[in-house]
Amino acid sequence: MAEIPDITESERWMVQTTLRERYGREMEIKMADAEIRLHASDRELTSCPVMFWNTDDGCNFVIFKSGDRRYRCQFFYRVHQQMGTGVDEYDDLSECAVSLLQAQADYTAEQRGDLPGQSPSGRRR
């Protein structure tokens, strides 16, 4: 199996710039590795480089590099409550990062009841 390339400085810069635009300040991006199944049928895990950060409200974000110009993402508040964008894999890191931030913003608005047609409990009216 081919080794997945490390996250480049330009990839890190792109995510950092996106976060600065979203939050209006520098966010600390941490680098790590995670083992994931690249395909649902895989029995073995593959080590992938990841970028992760968290926000003051306790939300954690992860972008996995799953191949050359291939990215996956998720956010979570609790380990057993992971959420994504509905897209399994992106071939554009910018689209991945923006979609991840938008999914989290939508989730937060839904939890507050800020989306049209919803009560504060998150139930549709």
N, C-alpha and C. Protein backbone atom coordinates (compact mmCIF):
# COMPACT_ATOMS: atom_id res chain seq x y z
N MET A 1 0.85 -1.18 0.00
CA MET A 1 0.00 0.00 0.00
C MET A 1 0.89 1.25 0.00
N ALA A 2 0.55 2.20 -0.84
CA ALA A 2 1.35 3.43 -0.94
C ALA A 2 1.22 4.26 0.33
N GLU A 3 2.30 4.89 0.69
CA GLU A 3 2.29 5.75 1.87
C GLU A 3 1.60 7.07 1.53
N ILE A 4 0.83 7.57 2.47
CA ILE A 4 0.12 8.83 2.26
C ILE A 4 1.09 9.97 2.54
N PRO A 5 1.19 10.94 1.63
CA PRO A 5 2.14 12.04 1.81
C PRO A 5 1.76 12.91 3.02
N ASP A 6 2.78 13.49 3.64
CA ASP A 6 2.56 14.39 4.77
C ASP A 6 1.81 15.64 4.32
N ILE A 7 1.23 16.32 5.27
CA ILE A 7 0.58 17.59 5.01
C ILE A 7 1.67 18.61 4.72
N THR A 8 1.50 19.34 3.63
CA THR A 8 2.52 20.31 3.22
C THR A 8 2.31 21.65 3.93
N GLU A 9 3.32 22.49 3.86
CA GLU A 9 3.19 23.84 4.43
C GLU A 9 2.10 24.63 3.72
N SER A 10 1.97 24.45 2.41
CA SER A 10 0.92 25.19 1.69
C SER A 10 -0.47 24.70 2.10
N GLU A 11 -0.63 23.41 2.37
CA GLU A 11 -1.92 22.90 2.86
C GLU A 11 -2.23 23.47 4.24
N ARG A 12 -1.23 23.49 5.08
CA ARG A 12 -1.43 24.04 6.43
C ARG A 12 -1.77 25.53 6.35
N TRP A 13 -1.06 26.27 5.49
CA TRP A 13 -1.30 27.69 5.32
C TRP A 13 -2.73 27.94 4.85
N MET A 14 -3.20 27.12 3.90
CA MET A 14 -4.55 27.29 3.37
C MET A 14 -5.60 27.12 4.47
N VAL A 15 -5.44 26.11 5.31
CA VAL A 15 -6.40 25.90 6.41
C VAL A 15 -6.27 27.04 7.42
N GLN A 16 -5.05 27.46 7.74
CA GLN A 16 -4.84 28.56 8.69
C GLN A 16 -5.51 29.83 8.19
N THR A 17 -5.38 30.12 6.91
CA THR A 17 -5.99 31.30 6.33
C THR A 17 -7.52 31.22 6.40
N THR A 18 -8.07 30.07 6.11
CA THR A 18 -9.52 29.86 6.19
C THR A 18 -10.01 30.07 7.62
N LEU A 19 -9.27 29.55 8.59
CA LEU A 19 -9.67 29.71 10.00
C LEU A 19 -9.58 31.18 10.43
N ARG A 20 -8.55 31.88 9.97
CA ARG A 20 -8.40 33.30 10.31
C ARG A 20 -9.59 34.09 9.76
N GLU A 21 -10.01 33.78 8.55
CA GLU A 21 -11.17 34.45 7.96
C GLU A 21 -12.44 34.14 8.74
N ARG A 22 -12.58 32.90 9.19
CA ARG A 22 -13.79 32.49 9.92
C ARG A 22 -13.85 33.07 11.33
N TYR A 23 -12.73 33.03 12.06
CA TYR A 23 -12.74 33.41 13.47
C TYR A 23 -12.16 34.80 13.75
N GLY A 24 -11.53 35.41 12.76
CA GLY A 24 -10.98 36.75 12.94
C GLY A 24 -9.73 36.79 13.79
N ARG A 25 -9.11 35.64 13.97
CA ARG A 25 -7.87 35.56 14.75
C ARG A 25 -7.14 34.28 14.38
N GLU A 26 -5.91 34.18 14.84
CA GLU A 26 -5.12 32.97 14.59
C GLU A 26 -5.65 31.83 15.45
N MET A 27 -5.77 30.67 14.85
CA MET A 27 -6.15 29.47 15.56
C MET A 27 -4.95 28.52 15.54
N GLU A 28 -4.72 27.85 16.65
CA GLU A 28 -3.61 26.91 16.71
C GLU A 28 -4.01 25.60 16.04
N ILE A 29 -3.31 25.27 14.97
CA ILE A 29 -3.53 23.99 14.28
C ILE A 29 -2.45 23.03 14.75
N LYS A 30 -2.88 21.88 15.20
CA LYS A 30 -1.94 20.85 15.64
C LYS A 30 -1.86 19.77 14.57
N MET A 31 -0.70 19.15 14.49
CA MET A 31 -0.48 18.09 13.52
C MET A 31 -0.33 16.77 14.27
N ALA A 32 -0.85 15.72 13.66
CA ALA A 32 -0.76 14.39 14.27
C ALA A 32 -0.95 13.34 13.18
N ASP A 33 -1.02 12.10 13.60
CA ASP A 33 -1.34 11.00 12.71
C ASP A 33 -2.51 10.24 13.32
N ALA A 34 -3.32 9.67 12.47
CA ALA A 34 -4.45 8.86 12.92
C ALA A 34 -4.53 7.63 12.02
N GLU A 35 -5.03 6.56 12.58
CA GLU A 35 -5.23 5.35 11.78
C GLU A 35 -6.71 5.24 11.44
N ILE A 36 -6.97 5.15 10.14
CA ILE A 36 -8.35 5.05 9.66
C ILE A 36 -8.45 3.96 8.59
N ARG A 37 -9.66 3.55 8.33
CA ARG A 37 -9.92 2.64 7.20
C ARG A 37 -10.15 3.52 5.98
N LEU A 38 -9.33 3.33 4.96
CA LEU A 38 -9.49 4.12 3.75
C LEU A 38 -10.74 3.72 2.97
N HIS A 39 -11.12 2.45 3.10
CA HIS A 39 -12.32 1.93 2.45
C HIS A 39 -13.07 1.11 3.49
N ALA A 40 -14.38 1.12 3.43
CA ALA A 40 -15.19 0.40 4.40
C ALA A 40 -14.83 -1.08 4.46
N SER A 41 -14.39 -1.64 3.35
CA SER A 41 -14.06 -3.07 3.30
C SER A 41 -12.65 -3.38 3.83
N ASP A 42 -11.85 -2.35 4.09
CA ASP A 42 -10.48 -2.59 4.58
C ASP A 42 -10.51 -3.23 5.96
N ARG A 43 -9.67 -4.24 6.14
CA ARG A 43 -9.53 -4.86 7.46
C ARG A 43 -8.45 -4.15 8.27
N GLU A 44 -7.49 -3.60 7.56
CA GLU A 44 -6.37 -2.95 8.23
C GLU A 44 -6.55 -1.44 8.22
N LEU A 45 -5.98 -0.82 9.24
CA LEU A 45 -6.01 0.63 9.33
C LEU A 45 -4.79 1.21 8.63
N THR A 46 -4.95 2.40 8.07
CA THR A 46 -3.86 3.10 7.40
C THR A 46 -3.55 4.36 8.19
N SER A 47 -2.28 4.63 8.41
CA SER A 47 -1.86 5.84 9.11
C SER A 47 -1.95 7.03 8.16
N CYS A 48 -2.65 8.06 8.62
CA CYS A 48 -2.86 9.27 7.81
C CYS A 48 -2.46 10.50 8.63
N PRO A 49 -1.83 11.48 7.99
CA PRO A 49 -1.56 12.74 8.69
C PRO A 49 -2.86 13.52 8.89
N VAL A 50 -2.96 14.22 9.99
CA VAL A 50 -4.15 15.02 10.28
C VAL A 50 -3.78 16.39 10.79
N MET A 51 -4.70 17.32 10.56
CA MET A 51 -4.64 18.65 11.17
C MET A 51 -5.84 18.71 12.10
N PHE A 52 -5.65 19.25 13.29
CA PHE A 52 -6.81 19.40 14.17
C PHE A 52 -6.69 20.67 14.98
N TRP A 53 -7.84 21.18 15.38
CA TRP A 53 -7.92 22.39 16.19
C TRP A 53 -9.21 22.33 16.97
N ASN A 54 -9.31 23.20 17.97
CA ASN A 54 -10.56 23.27 18.73
C ASN A 54 -10.90 24.72 18.99
N THR A 55 -12.16 24.93 19.34
CA THR A 55 -12.66 26.27 19.58
C THR A 55 -12.98 26.45 21.05
N ASP A 56 -13.20 27.70 21.43
CA ASP A 56 -13.48 28.03 22.83
C ASP A 56 -14.75 27.36 23.35
N ASP A 57 -15.68 27.02 22.46
CA ASP A 57 -16.93 26.40 22.91
C ASP A 57 -16.82 24.87 22.99
N GLY A 58 -15.60 24.34 22.85
CA GLY A 58 -15.38 22.91 23.04
C GLY A 58 -15.56 22.05 21.81
N CYS A 59 -15.64 22.68 20.64
CA CYS A 59 -15.77 21.91 19.41
C CYS A 59 -14.37 21.56 18.90
N ASN A 60 -14.21 20.33 18.47
CA ASN A 60 -12.95 19.82 17.94
C ASN A 60 -13.13 19.53 16.46
N PHE A 61 -12.15 19.91 15.65
CA PHE A 61 -12.19 19.72 14.21
C PHE A 61 -11.00 18.88 13.78
N VAL A 62 -11.21 18.00 12.80
CA VAL A 62 -10.14 17.16 12.28
C VAL A 62 -10.25 17.11 10.76
N ILE A 63 -9.12 17.32 10.09
CA ILE A 63 -9.03 17.07 8.66
C ILE A 63 -7.97 15.99 8.47
N PHE A 64 -8.37 14.88 7.88
CA PHE A 64 -7.48 13.76 7.59
C PHE A 64 -7.00 13.88 6.15
N LYS A 65 -5.73 13.69 5.92
CA LYS A 65 -5.22 13.58 4.55
C LYS A 65 -5.21 12.10 4.23
N SER A 66 -6.09 11.69 3.31
CA SER A 66 -6.27 10.26 3.04
C SER A 66 -5.60 9.83 1.74
N GLY A 67 -4.87 10.73 1.12
CA GLY A 67 -4.14 10.42 -0.11
C GLY A 67 -3.62 11.70 -0.73
N ASP A 68 -3.03 11.58 -1.89
CA ASP A 68 -2.55 12.77 -2.60
C ASP A 68 -3.77 13.56 -3.07
N ARG A 69 -3.95 14.78 -2.53
CA ARG A 69 -5.10 15.64 -2.82
C ARG A 69 -6.43 14.95 -2.48
N ARG A 70 -6.45 14.23 -1.34
CA ARG A 70 -7.67 13.59 -0.85
C ARG A 70 -7.79 13.89 0.64
N TYR A 71 -8.96 14.35 1.05
CA TYR A 71 -9.15 14.80 2.43
C TYR A 71 -10.51 14.36 2.95
N ARG A 72 -10.55 14.05 4.24
CA ARG A 72 -11.79 13.75 4.96
C ARG A 72 -11.84 14.66 6.17
N CYS A 73 -13.03 14.87 6.69
CA CYS A 73 -13.13 15.79 7.82
C CYS A 73 -14.29 15.42 8.74
N GLN A 74 -14.19 15.90 9.96
CA GLN A 74 -15.26 15.73 10.93
C GLN A 74 -15.08 16.75 12.05
N PHE A 75 -16.15 16.96 12.80
CA PHE A 75 -16.07 17.77 14.01
C PHE A 75 -16.85 17.05 15.09
N PHE A 76 -16.50 17.36 16.33
CA PHE A 76 -17.20 16.71 17.44
C PHE A 76 -17.04 17.54 18.71
N TYR A 77 -18.01 17.38 19.58
CA TYR A 77 -17.96 17.96 20.92
C TYR A 77 -17.62 16.88 21.93
N ARG A 78 -18.11 15.69 21.66
CA ARG A 78 -17.81 14.52 22.49
C ARG A 78 -17.32 13.42 21.56
N VAL A 79 -16.43 12.59 22.03
CA VAL A 79 -15.79 11.57 21.19
C VAL A 79 -16.81 10.69 20.48
N HIS A 80 -17.87 10.34 21.13
CA HIS A 80 -18.84 9.42 20.55
C HIS A 80 -19.95 10.13 19.78
N GLN A 81 -19.75 11.41 19.49
CA GLN A 81 -20.74 12.19 18.75
C GLN A 81 -20.01 12.94 17.63
N GLN A 82 -19.52 12.19 16.66
CA GLN A 82 -18.76 12.77 15.55
C GLN A 82 -19.70 13.11 14.41
N MET A 83 -19.48 14.28 13.82
CA MET A 83 -20.32 14.75 12.73
C MET A 83 -19.44 15.17 11.56
N GLY A 84 -20.01 15.11 10.38
CA GLY A 84 -19.27 15.48 9.19
C GLY A 84 -20.09 16.38 8.29
N THR A 85 -19.67 16.43 7.05
CA THR A 85 -20.31 17.32 6.07
C THR A 85 -21.29 16.58 5.17
N GLY A 86 -21.28 15.26 5.23
CA GLY A 86 -22.10 14.47 4.32
C GLY A 86 -21.35 14.06 3.07
N VAL A 87 -20.12 14.55 2.92
CA VAL A 87 -19.27 14.18 1.79
C VAL A 87 -18.17 13.27 2.33
N ASP A 88 -18.02 12.10 1.74
CA ASP A 88 -17.03 11.14 2.23
C ASP A 88 -15.59 11.61 2.06
N GLU A 89 -15.28 12.20 0.92
CA GLU A 89 -13.90 12.59 0.66
C GLU A 89 -13.88 13.76 -0.33
N TYR A 90 -12.97 14.69 -0.10
CA TYR A 90 -12.79 15.86 -0.95
C TYR A 90 -11.47 15.74 -1.71
N ASP A 91 -11.44 16.33 -2.92
CA ASP A 91 -10.17 16.42 -3.65
C ASP A 91 -9.65 17.85 -3.64
N ASP A 92 -10.34 18.73 -2.89
CA ASP A 92 -9.95 20.13 -2.76
C ASP A 92 -9.95 20.48 -1.27
N LEU A 93 -8.79 20.80 -0.73
CA LEU A 93 -8.67 21.07 0.70
C LEU A 93 -9.46 22.31 1.12
N SER A 94 -9.47 23.32 0.29
CA SER A 94 -10.22 24.53 0.61
C SER A 94 -11.71 24.22 0.75
N GLU A 95 -12.25 23.48 -0.18
CA GLU A 95 -13.66 23.09 -0.12
C GLU A 95 -13.93 22.25 1.12
N CYS A 96 -13.01 21.36 1.45
CA CYS A 96 -13.15 20.52 2.64
C CYS A 96 -13.23 21.38 3.91
N ALA A 97 -12.30 22.32 4.05
CA ALA A 97 -12.24 23.16 5.26
C ALA A 97 -13.47 24.05 5.36
N VAL A 98 -13.86 24.69 4.27
CA VAL A 98 -15.02 25.58 4.29
C VAL A 98 -16.30 24.79 4.58
N SER A 99 -16.44 23.63 3.96
CA SER A 99 -17.63 22.79 4.19
C SER A 99 -17.70 22.32 5.64
N LEU A 100 -16.55 21.98 6.22
CA LEU A 100 -16.50 21.55 7.62
C LEU A 100 -16.94 22.68 8.54
N LEU A 101 -16.42 23.87 8.33
CA LEU A 101 -16.80 25.01 9.16
C LEU A 101 -18.28 25.35 8.99
N GLN A 102 -18.80 25.24 7.77
CA GLN A 102 -20.21 25.53 7.53
C GLN A 102 -21.11 24.48 8.19
N ALA A 103 -20.70 23.22 8.12
CA ALA A 103 -21.48 22.15 8.76
C ALA A 103 -21.57 22.37 10.27
N GLN A 104 -20.46 22.79 10.87
CA GLN A 104 -20.45 23.04 12.31
C GLN A 104 -21.31 24.26 12.64
N ALA A 105 -21.22 25.32 11.82
CA ALA A 105 -22.04 26.51 12.06
C ALA A 105 -23.52 26.17 11.94
N ASP A 106 -23.88 25.35 10.96
CA ASP A 106 -25.27 24.92 10.81
C ASP A 106 -25.72 24.09 12.00
N TYR A 107 -24.85 23.20 12.47
CA TYR A 107 -25.17 22.37 13.63
C TYR A 107 -25.43 23.26 14.85
N THR A 108 -24.57 24.24 15.07
CA THR A 108 -24.71 25.14 16.22
C THR A 108 -26.02 25.93 16.12
N ALA A 109 -26.32 26.43 14.93
CA ALA A 109 -27.56 27.18 14.73
C ALA A 109 -28.78 26.29 14.99
N GLU A 110 -28.70 25.07 14.53
CA GLU A 110 -29.80 24.12 14.74
C GLU A 110 -29.99 23.83 16.22
N GLN A 111 -28.89 23.66 16.95
CA GLN A 111 -28.98 23.39 18.39
C GLN A 111 -29.59 24.56 19.14
N ARG A 112 -29.33 25.78 18.67
CA ARG A 112 -29.89 26.97 19.31
C ARG A 112 -31.32 27.24 18.86
N GLY A 113 -31.76 26.57 17.79
CA GLY A 113 -33.08 26.82 17.24
C GLY A 113 -33.11 28.03 16.34
N ASP A 114 -31.95 28.42 15.80
CA ASP A 114 -31.85 29.60 14.96
C ASP A 114 -32.22 29.36 13.51
N LEU A 115 -32.40 28.12 13.09
CA LEU A 115 -32.74 27.86 11.69
C LEU A 115 -34.22 28.10 11.48
N PRO A 116 -34.61 28.65 10.33
CA PRO A 116 -36.03 28.93 10.08
C PRO A 116 -36.88 27.68 10.25
N GLY A 117 -38.02 27.87 10.87
CA GLY A 117 -38.96 26.76 11.03
C GLY A 117 -38.65 25.85 12.19
N GLN A 118 -37.73 26.26 13.08
CA GLN A 118 -37.41 25.41 14.23
C GLN A 118 -37.66 26.15 15.52
N SER A 119 -38.03 25.39 16.52
CA SER A 119 -38.18 25.92 17.86
C SER A 119 -36.82 25.87 18.54
N PRO A 120 -36.63 26.51 19.69
CA PRO A 120 -35.34 26.46 20.39
C PRO A 120 -34.88 25.05 20.74
N SER A 121 -35.78 24.10 20.84
CA SER A 121 -35.38 22.72 21.16
C SER A 121 -34.79 22.00 19.95
N GLY A 122 -34.86 22.66 18.77
CA GLY A 122 -34.34 22.06 17.56
C GLY A 122 -35.40 21.31 16.78
N ARG A 123 -36.62 21.26 17.28
CA ARG A 123 -37.70 20.55 16.59
C ARG A 123 -38.34 21.47 15.57
N ARG A 124 -38.73 20.88 14.48
CA ARG A 124 -39.44 21.64 13.43
C ARG A 124 -40.80 22.06 13.95
N ARG A 125 -41.17 23.26 13.61
CA ARG A 125 -42.50 23.77 14.01
C ARG A 125 -43.54 23.34 13.01
